Amino acid sequence: MSNVNFLLALKIGITGYLVLIGILFLFYILLTGFVKFFTRSDSNGSKKGEGKSSE
């Protein structure tokens, strides 16, 4: 009986650990994507701002 409970707890623990790794990996991808997007928009915005100031 305790062997079944141990295997069930082990299965739940491994599943939870893999889900946690997956969530952190997706969060890392989204975070780097947002950083790249905002740096591109900032560089484009600064170029547009320089163009407007020179006119």
N, C-alpha and C. Protein backbone atom coordinates (compact mmCIF):
# COMPACT_ATOMS: atom_id res chain seq x y z
N MET A 1 0.84 -1.20 0.00
CA MET A 1 0.00 0.00 0.00
C MET A 1 0.87 1.25 0.00
N SER A 2 1.89 1.25 0.85
CA SER A 2 2.75 2.43 0.90
C SER A 2 3.58 2.55 -0.37
N ASN A 3 3.87 1.41 -1.03
CA ASN A 3 4.63 1.46 -2.27
C ASN A 3 3.82 2.17 -3.36
N VAL A 4 2.51 1.93 -3.40
CA VAL A 4 1.64 2.59 -4.39
C VAL A 4 1.59 4.08 -4.11
N ASN A 5 1.47 4.45 -2.84
CA ASN A 5 1.43 5.87 -2.49
C ASN A 5 2.75 6.55 -2.83
N PHE A 6 3.85 5.85 -2.62
CA PHE A 6 5.16 6.43 -2.94
C PHE A 6 5.30 6.66 -4.44
N LEU A 7 4.87 5.68 -5.24
CA LEU A 7 4.95 5.84 -6.70
C LEU A 7 4.03 6.96 -7.18
N LEU A 8 2.86 7.07 -6.58
CA LEU A 8 1.93 8.15 -6.96
C LEU A 8 2.52 9.51 -6.60
N ALA A 9 3.10 9.62 -5.42
CA ALA A 9 3.72 10.87 -5.01
C ALA A 9 4.92 11.20 -5.90
N LEU A 10 5.69 10.19 -6.26
CA LEU A 10 6.84 10.40 -7.14
C LEU A 10 6.38 10.88 -8.52
N LYS A 11 5.31 10.26 -9.03
CA LYS A 11 4.77 10.66 -10.33
C LYS A 11 4.26 12.10 -10.29
N ILE A 12 3.55 12.46 -9.24
CA ILE A 12 3.03 13.83 -9.10
C ILE A 12 4.19 14.82 -8.96
N GLY A 13 5.21 14.44 -8.21
CA GLY A 13 6.36 15.33 -8.03
C GLY A 13 7.11 15.56 -9.32
N ILE A 14 7.36 14.50 -10.08
CA ILE A 14 8.07 14.64 -11.35
C ILE A 14 7.24 15.45 -12.33
N THR A 15 5.94 15.20 -12.38
CA THR A 15 5.06 15.96 -13.27
C THR A 15 5.07 17.44 -12.91
N GLY A 16 4.96 17.73 -11.63
CA GLY A 16 4.99 19.13 -11.19
C GLY A 16 6.31 19.79 -11.50
N TYR A 17 7.40 19.07 -11.34
CA TYR A 17 8.72 19.62 -11.63
C TYR A 17 8.87 19.93 -13.11
N LEU A 18 8.41 19.02 -13.98
CA LEU A 18 8.48 19.25 -15.42
C LEU A 18 7.59 20.42 -15.84
N VAL A 19 6.41 20.53 -15.23
CA VAL A 19 5.52 21.65 -15.54
C VAL A 19 6.17 22.96 -15.11
N LEU A 20 6.81 22.98 -13.96
CA LEU A 20 7.49 24.18 -13.49
C LEU A 20 8.60 24.58 -14.45
N ILE A 21 9.39 23.63 -14.92
CA ILE A 21 10.45 23.92 -15.88
C ILE A 21 9.85 24.47 -17.17
N GLY A 22 8.76 23.87 -17.64
CA GLY A 22 8.10 24.34 -18.86
C GLY A 22 7.58 25.76 -18.72
N ILE A 23 6.97 26.07 -17.59
CA ILE A 23 6.44 27.42 -17.37
C ILE A 23 7.58 28.43 -17.32
N LEU A 24 8.66 28.10 -16.62
CA LEU A 24 9.79 29.02 -16.55
C LEU A 24 10.42 29.22 -17.93
N PHE A 25 10.50 28.16 -18.74
CA PHE A 25 11.06 28.27 -20.08
C PHE A 25 10.19 29.15 -20.97
N LEU A 26 8.86 28.97 -20.89
CA LEU A 26 7.95 29.82 -21.67
C LEU A 26 8.04 31.27 -21.20
N PHE A 27 8.14 31.49 -19.90
CA PHE A 27 8.27 32.85 -19.37
C PHE A 27 9.56 33.49 -19.86
N TYR A 28 10.65 32.71 -19.94
CA TYR A 28 11.93 33.22 -20.45
C TYR A 28 11.80 33.61 -21.92
N ILE A 29 11.12 32.78 -22.71
CA ILE A 29 10.94 33.09 -24.14
C ILE A 29 10.11 34.36 -24.30
N LEU A 30 9.02 34.46 -23.55
CA LEU A 30 8.18 35.66 -23.65
C LEU A 30 8.93 36.90 -23.19
N LEU A 31 9.69 36.79 -22.12
CA LEU A 31 10.43 37.93 -21.61
C LEU A 31 11.47 38.40 -22.61
N THR A 32 12.24 37.50 -23.19
CA THR A 32 13.24 37.90 -24.18
C THR A 32 12.56 38.45 -25.43
N GLY A 33 11.40 37.92 -25.79
CA GLY A 33 10.67 38.45 -26.94
C GLY A 33 10.20 39.86 -26.70
N PHE A 34 9.68 40.15 -25.50
CA PHE A 34 9.25 41.50 -25.18
C PHE A 34 10.43 42.46 -25.13
N VAL A 35 11.55 42.02 -24.59
CA VAL A 35 12.73 42.88 -24.52
C VAL A 35 13.21 43.22 -25.93
N LYS A 36 13.26 42.24 -26.82
CA LYS A 36 13.68 42.50 -28.19
C LYS A 36 12.69 43.43 -28.88
N PHE A 37 11.39 43.23 -28.64
CA PHE A 37 10.38 44.08 -29.26
C PHE A 37 10.51 45.52 -28.78
N PHE A 38 10.69 45.71 -27.47
CA PHE A 38 10.77 47.07 -26.94
C PHE A 38 12.08 47.75 -27.34
N THR A 39 13.17 47.01 -27.44
CA THR A 39 14.42 47.64 -27.87
C THR A 39 14.32 48.05 -29.33
N ARG A 40 13.64 47.25 -30.15
CA ARG A 40 13.44 47.64 -31.55
C ARG A 40 12.56 48.87 -31.64
N SER A 41 11.47 48.92 -30.88
CA SER A 41 10.57 50.07 -30.93
C SER A 41 11.26 51.31 -30.38
N ASP A 42 12.10 51.15 -29.36
CA ASP A 42 12.83 52.30 -28.82
C ASP A 42 13.83 52.83 -29.84
N SER A 43 14.55 51.95 -30.50
CA SER A 43 15.53 52.40 -31.48
C SER A 43 14.83 53.06 -32.66
N ASN A 44 13.70 52.51 -33.09
CA ASN A 44 12.94 53.13 -34.17
C ASN A 44 12.37 54.47 -33.71
N GLY A 45 11.89 54.52 -32.49
CA GLY A 45 11.33 55.76 -31.96
C GLY A 45 12.39 56.84 -31.85
N SER A 46 13.60 56.45 -31.42
CA SER A 46 14.67 57.45 -31.29
C SER A 46 15.08 57.96 -32.66
N LYS A 47 15.09 57.06 -33.66
CA LYS A 47 15.43 57.49 -35.02
C LYS A 47 14.37 58.45 -35.55
N LYS A 48 13.10 58.13 -35.29
CA LYS A 48 12.03 59.02 -35.73
C LYS A 48 12.12 60.35 -34.99
N GLY A 49 12.44 60.29 -33.71
CA GLY A 49 12.57 61.51 -32.92
C GLY A 49 13.71 62.38 -33.44
N GLU A 50 14.83 61.76 -33.81
CA GLU A 50 15.96 62.52 -34.35
C GLU A 50 15.58 63.14 -35.68
N GLY A 51 14.83 62.40 -36.49
CA GLY A 51 14.40 62.92 -37.78
C GLY A 51 13.49 64.13 -37.61
N LYS A 52 12.59 64.05 -36.64
CA LYS A 52 11.68 65.17 -36.40
C LYS A 52 12.43 66.37 -35.84
N SER A 53 13.41 66.14 -34.98
CA SER A 53 14.15 67.25 -34.39
C SER A 53 15.04 67.93 -35.42
N SER A 54 15.52 67.19 -36.42
CA SER A 54 16.40 67.78 -37.44
C SER A 54 15.59 68.56 -38.47
N GLU A 55 14.28 68.27 -38.58
CA GLU A 55 13.47 68.99 -39.57
C GLU A 55 13.18 70.41 -39.16
